[in-house]
Protein backbone atom coordinates (compact mmCIF):
# COMPACT_ATOMS: atom_id res chain seq x y z
CA MET A 1 0.55 0.17 -0.30
CA ALA A 2 1.30 3.39 -1.34
CA GLY A 3 2.40 5.90 1.81
CA ARG A 4 0.46 9.49 1.53
CA LEU A 5 3.54 11.04 0.66
CA GLU A 6 4.66 8.45 -2.63
CA GLY A 7 7.73 9.91 -4.65
CA LYS A 8 7.54 12.92 -3.05
CA VAL A 9 10.53 14.63 -2.22
CA ALA A 10 11.08 17.20 1.17
CA ILE A 11 13.62 19.07 2.11
CA ILE A 12 13.66 19.68 6.11
CA THR A 13 15.57 21.81 8.29
CA GLY A 14 17.90 21.03 11.31
CA SER A 15 16.21 17.57 11.07
CA GLY A 16 19.27 15.77 12.38
CA GLN A 17 17.80 15.40 15.98
CA GLY A 18 14.32 16.40 17.62
CA ILE A 19 11.38 17.64 16.07
CA GLY A 20 13.40 18.03 12.60
CA ARG A 21 14.36 14.49 12.98
CA GLY A 22 10.87 13.39 13.76
CA ILE A 23 9.31 14.17 10.76
CA ALA A 24 11.92 13.29 8.77
CA ARG A 25 10.57 9.53 10.37
CA ARG A 26 7.30 10.91 9.78
CA TYR A 27 7.43 11.46 6.15
CA ALA A 28 9.85 8.53 5.65
CA ARG A 29 6.67 6.05 6.77
CA GLU A 30 5.39 7.58 4.09
CA GLY A 31 6.89 7.16 1.19
CA ALA A 32 8.88 10.44 0.86
CA ARG A 33 12.15 11.12 -0.10
CA LEU A 34 13.93 13.64 1.99
CA VAL A 35 17.32 16.25 2.12
CA ILE A 36 18.13 15.55 5.90
CA ALA A 37 19.05 20.38 5.80
CA GLU A 38 21.50 19.68 8.93
CA TRP A 39 23.98 22.04 10.27
CA LYS A 40 25.93 19.58 11.70
CA GLN A 41 27.77 16.48 9.19
CA HIS A 42 27.53 13.60 11.88
CA ARG A 43 23.81 13.94 12.57
CA ALA A 44 22.69 14.00 8.96
CA GLU A 45 24.80 11.12 8.40
CA ARG A 46 22.87 9.43 11.42
CA VAL A 47 19.24 10.21 10.60
CA CYS A 48 20.28 9.24 6.88
CA GLY A 49 21.05 6.02 8.05
CA GLU A 50 18.02 5.98 10.27
CA LEU A 51 16.02 6.09 6.74
CA ALA A 52 17.32 3.91 5.04
CA GLU A 53 16.48 0.90 7.82
CA LEU A 54 12.87 2.74 7.10
CA GLY A 55 13.54 1.81 3.65
CA ALA A 56 13.36 5.74 2.76
CA GLU A 57 16.19 6.91 0.59
CA ALA A 58 17.76 10.19 2.01
CA ILE A 59 20.86 12.48 1.26
CA PRO A 60 22.49 14.75 4.10
CA VAL A 61 22.84 18.29 2.96
CA PRO A 62 25.34 20.19 5.44
CA THR A 63 22.94 23.41 5.63
CA ASP A 64 24.07 26.39 7.97
CA ILE A 65 20.26 28.33 7.85
CA SER A 66 21.75 31.74 8.67
CA ASP A 67 23.92 31.70 5.65
CA ARG A 68 22.33 32.63 2.48
CA GLY A 69 24.25 30.87 0.38
CA ASP A 70 23.98 27.53 2.05
CA VAL A 71 20.61 27.64 1.74
CA GLY A 72 19.89 28.43 -1.53
CA ARG A 73 22.60 25.16 -2.23
CA MET A 74 20.09 23.06 0.13
CA VAL A 75 17.98 23.97 -2.04
CA GLU A 76 19.96 23.18 -5.62
CA GLU A 77 21.02 19.93 -3.98
CA ALA A 78 17.58 18.59 -3.50
CA VAL A 79 16.12 19.55 -7.49
CA LYS A 80 20.20 18.15 -8.77
CA HIS A 81 19.38 15.10 -6.90
CA PHE A 82 16.15 14.33 -7.25
CA GLY A 83 14.30 16.82 -9.39
CA THR A 84 11.67 18.79 -7.34
CA VAL A 85 10.63 19.07 -4.80
CA ASP A 86 7.49 19.33 -3.24
CA ILE A 87 7.47 19.97 0.38
CA LEU A 88 9.70 22.60 2.32
CA VAL A 89 9.63 22.24 6.77
CA ASN A 90 11.29 25.48 9.09
CA ASN A 91 11.95 23.57 11.21
CA ALA A 92 15.82 24.80 12.19
CA GLN A 93 16.65 27.48 14.80
CA THR A 94 19.46 28.94 17.14
CA PHE A 95 18.12 29.48 20.95
CA THR A 96 19.94 32.62 23.22
CA PRO A 97 20.06 32.35 26.01
CA ASN A 98 16.80 33.20 28.46
CA VAL A 99 17.42 36.59 29.61
CA PRO A 100 14.94 39.42 30.89
CA PHE A 101 13.69 41.86 28.47
CA GLU A 102 16.17 44.69 29.44
CA GLU A 103 19.03 42.54 29.57
CA LYS A 104 19.09 41.20 26.02
CA THR A 105 21.32 42.71 23.62
CA GLU A 106 21.76 43.43 19.97
CA GLU A 107 23.98 40.27 19.03
CA MET A 108 20.77 37.85 20.53
CA TRP A 109 17.93 39.47 18.40
CA TRP A 110 20.15 38.89 15.52
CA VAL A 111 20.58 35.90 15.73
CA SER A 112 16.55 34.96 15.95
CA LEU A 113 16.20 37.02 13.24
CA VAL A 114 18.48 35.47 10.89
CA THR A 115 18.22 31.75 11.69
CA GLY A 116 14.48 32.33 11.87
CA PRO A 117 12.62 34.99 9.76
CA MET A 118 14.97 35.25 7.46
CA ALA A 119 16.14 31.37 6.88
CA THR A 120 12.44 30.88 6.58
CA PHE A 121 12.01 33.84 3.49
CA ARG A 122 15.47 32.68 2.59
CA ALA A 123 14.66 29.18 1.88
CA MET A 124 11.22 30.06 0.50
CA GLN A 125 12.18 32.75 -2.30
CA ALA A 126 15.00 29.53 -2.56
CA VAL A 127 11.77 26.78 -3.26
CA TYR A 128 9.38 28.72 -5.30
CA PRO A 129 10.47 28.84 -8.55
CA VAL A 130 10.51 24.98 -8.71
CA MET A 131 7.30 24.80 -6.74
CA LYS A 132 5.48 27.20 -8.76
CA GLN A 133 6.91 25.08 -12.16
CA ALA A 134 5.49 22.21 -10.69
CA GLY A 135 1.80 23.75 -9.97
CA GLU A 136 1.76 22.47 -6.40
CA GLY A 137 3.72 22.49 -3.09
CA ARG A 138 3.52 22.72 0.71
CA ILE A 139 5.05 24.47 2.90
CA VAL A 140 5.16 24.22 6.67
CA CYS A 141 7.04 26.92 8.58
CA PHE A 142 7.74 26.77 12.77
CA ALA A 143 6.41 29.30 14.81
CA SER A 144 5.41 29.04 19.03
CA LEU A 145 2.77 29.60 21.29
CA ASN A 146 5.73 31.58 23.23
CA GLY A 147 5.39 34.80 21.14
CA GLU A 148 1.38 33.79 20.73
CA VAL A 149 1.18 34.20 24.79
CA GLY A 150 4.71 37.11 25.25
CA GLN A 151 6.83 34.38 27.43
CA ARG A 152 9.05 35.91 29.73
CA LEU A 153 12.88 35.74 29.01
CA THR A 154 12.39 35.40 25.19
CA VAL A 155 11.34 38.21 23.83
CA ASP A 156 13.62 37.73 20.40
CA TYR A 157 12.68 34.71 20.08
CA ASN A 158 8.69 35.93 20.69
CA ALA A 159 9.28 38.28 18.16
CA SER A 160 11.32 36.24 15.42
CA LYS A 161 7.84 33.36 15.65
CA GLU A 162 5.56 36.27 15.18
CA ALA A 163 6.89 37.03 12.58
CA ILE A 164 6.97 33.91 10.58
CA ARG A 165 3.74 34.24 11.73
CA SER A 166 3.32 36.95 9.20
CA ILE A 167 5.27 35.39 6.64
CA VAL A 168 2.91 31.76 6.56
CA LYS A 169 -0.10 34.05 6.08
CA THR A 170 1.30 36.64 3.63
CA ALA A 171 2.68 33.51 0.93
CA ALA A 172 -0.21 31.82 1.76
CA ARG A 173 -2.21 34.58 0.13
CA GLU A 174 0.35 35.55 -2.78
CA TRP A 175 1.24 32.39 -4.19
CA GLY A 176 -1.58 29.67 -3.37
CA PRO A 177 -2.84 30.93 -6.87
CA ASP A 178 0.21 28.70 -7.85
CA GLY A 179 -0.80 25.93 -6.38
CA ILE A 180 1.38 26.44 -2.72
CA LEU A 181 0.02 25.83 0.37
CA VAL A 182 1.30 27.83 3.44
CA ASN A 183 0.68 26.84 7.20
CA ALA A 184 3.03 26.79 10.20
CA ILE A 185 3.32 25.12 13.75
CA ALA A 186 3.27 25.24 17.45
CA PRO A 187 4.56 22.64 18.66
CA GLY A 188 4.80 21.76 22.46
CA ALA A 189 7.31 18.72 22.00
CA ALA A 190 9.80 16.51 23.67
CA SER A 191 12.24 18.13 21.70
CA PRO A 192 16.40 17.59 23.19
CA VAL A 193 15.84 21.31 24.56
CA TYR A 194 13.14 20.75 26.03
CA GLU A 195 14.38 17.66 28.21
CA ALA A 196 17.62 19.21 28.97
CA TRP A 197 15.19 21.49 31.07
CA ALA A 198 12.97 19.23 32.37
CA ALA A 199 15.97 17.15 33.38
CA ARG A 200 17.65 20.71 35.29
CA GLN A 201 14.22 21.77 36.59
CA PRO A 202 11.62 18.63 37.20
CA GLU A 203 9.67 20.27 39.70
CA MET A 204 8.96 23.17 37.08
CA ALA A 205 8.77 20.41 34.29
CA ALA A 206 6.10 18.68 35.96
CA ALA A 207 4.01 21.27 37.70
CA ASN A 208 3.76 23.04 33.61
CA LEU A 209 2.52 19.57 32.75
CA LYS A 210 -0.44 19.69 35.07
CA THR A 211 -2.07 22.85 33.55
CA LYS A 212 -2.55 21.02 30.29
CA PRO A 213 -5.65 19.50 28.91
CA ILE A 214 -3.35 16.72 27.87
CA GLN A 215 -0.85 16.08 30.55
CA ARG A 216 2.48 15.49 28.68
CA MET A 217 4.89 16.23 26.12
CA GLY A 218 4.37 15.75 21.95
CA ASP A 219 6.17 13.01 20.24
CA PRO A 220 8.61 14.71 17.98
CA GLU A 221 7.41 11.29 15.51
CA GLU A 222 3.96 10.51 16.55
CA ASP A 223 2.16 13.79 17.35
CA ILE A 224 3.88 17.13 15.73
CA GLY A 225 5.14 14.36 12.69
CA GLY A 226 1.54 13.47 12.01
CA VAL A 227 0.56 17.16 11.90
CA ALA A 228 3.10 17.82 9.45
CA LEU A 229 2.48 15.23 7.62
CA PHE A 230 -1.27 16.26 7.41
CA LEU A 231 -0.45 19.25 6.22
CA ALA A 232 1.90 17.88 3.17
CA SER A 233 -0.64 15.91 1.57
CA ASP A 234 -3.76 15.63 0.00
CA ASP A 235 -5.41 15.96 3.31
CA SER A 236 -4.77 19.46 4.09
CA ARG A 237 -5.19 20.01 0.58
CA TYR A 238 -7.71 23.28 1.41
CA LEU A 239 -6.10 24.58 4.47
CA THR A 240 -3.51 27.27 4.00
CA GLY A 241 -2.63 30.71 5.60
CA HIS A 242 -3.22 28.85 9.62
CA THR A 243 -0.87 28.21 12.65
CA LEU A 244 -1.61 25.04 14.17
CA PHE A 245 -0.89 24.87 18.25
CA VAL A 246 0.33 21.00 17.96
CA ASP A 247 0.63 21.67 21.80
CA GLY A 248 -1.70 19.53 23.63
CA GLY A 249 -3.95 22.25 24.30
CA ALA A 250 -1.59 24.21 26.53
CA TRP A 251 -2.24 27.25 23.32
CA LEU A 252 -5.65 27.44 25.83
CA GLY A 253 -3.78 28.53 28.94
CA PRO A 254 -4.49 27.79 32.47
CA SER A 255 -7.41 25.93 33.92
CA ARG A 256 -9.56 27.97 36.01
CA GLU A 257 -11.80 26.52 38.76
CA ARG A 258 -15.22 27.61 39.07
CA VAL A 259 -16.32 28.53 42.58
CA LYS A 260 -19.67 27.70 43.30
CA ASP A 261 -20.39 30.73 46.32
CA ASP A 262 -24.10 30.11 46.34
CA PRO A 263 -25.45 26.52 45.09
CA GLU A 264 -28.53 27.84 44.38
CA THR A 265 -27.42 29.59 41.77
CA TRP A 266 -26.47 26.62 39.30
CA LYS A 267 -30.26 26.02 39.69
CA ARG A 268 -31.42 29.49 38.14
CA PRO A 269 -31.23 29.83 33.91
CA ASP A 270 -28.97 32.46 34.33
CA ARG A 271 -26.14 30.88 36.37
CA PHE A 272 -23.23 31.23 34.06
CA ARG A 273 -24.21 34.50 33.83
CA ASN A 274 -23.91 34.98 37.60
CA ALA A 275 -20.85 32.16 38.43
CA SER A 276 -18.29 33.33 39.92
CA PHE A 277 -14.63 33.02 38.99
CA ASP A 278 -11.42 32.98 41.40
């Protein structure tokens, strides 16, 4: 039985570990041919070996997403080896230290901007002619709940992710007539970065999970990869310009328990208007 991405060619940035690796494995299981665009050569080669065991064809392409030339070569290598690019997943981004707003430096801002919205923009521009000629394409970008809620200590990262959401909406509007669909995922996943933080702050991590409707972190391959598969497949052929919060409901915010000050209140037709909350 053919997979949902049988024969499709996908470039996935930052796919040497974490979410990118999870998506690559999920795509491989569905028949995709893959470009593992990864900064560290040994990671790219390791993942290509894993994908070969799954029966998928994959090539490692060392890519520094902060370098315009590298991003262009990434697409060129994909076309040279596979003949086309059907799917682009802009997953990679470099993190900066978590420090208060007033301590963020211009250097930190530059790292977030050049590896976030600029890298996303450059990769999309590079792949656009290929997808336009084919008359179709799928682009999946990565946003963050941090930007949506204004998370503390990550102002540069927050701004970069909100910029990516704007890029997604603009490209979706402009490139829809060319058959190119563009969407974003804001994930909550057990990535290496998350796991390192959770190991340092186990009590805080456990408390954070309890605030979510689905009280666990997402699996990069099964949970995040599943939605990335949906966005790359024909199942999403009428969806563009959206950000999907794939975070177990964290985007809803912490639950607030309803307080029943007067039991009789709950018997009245207007009970919801009169109910009080903490």
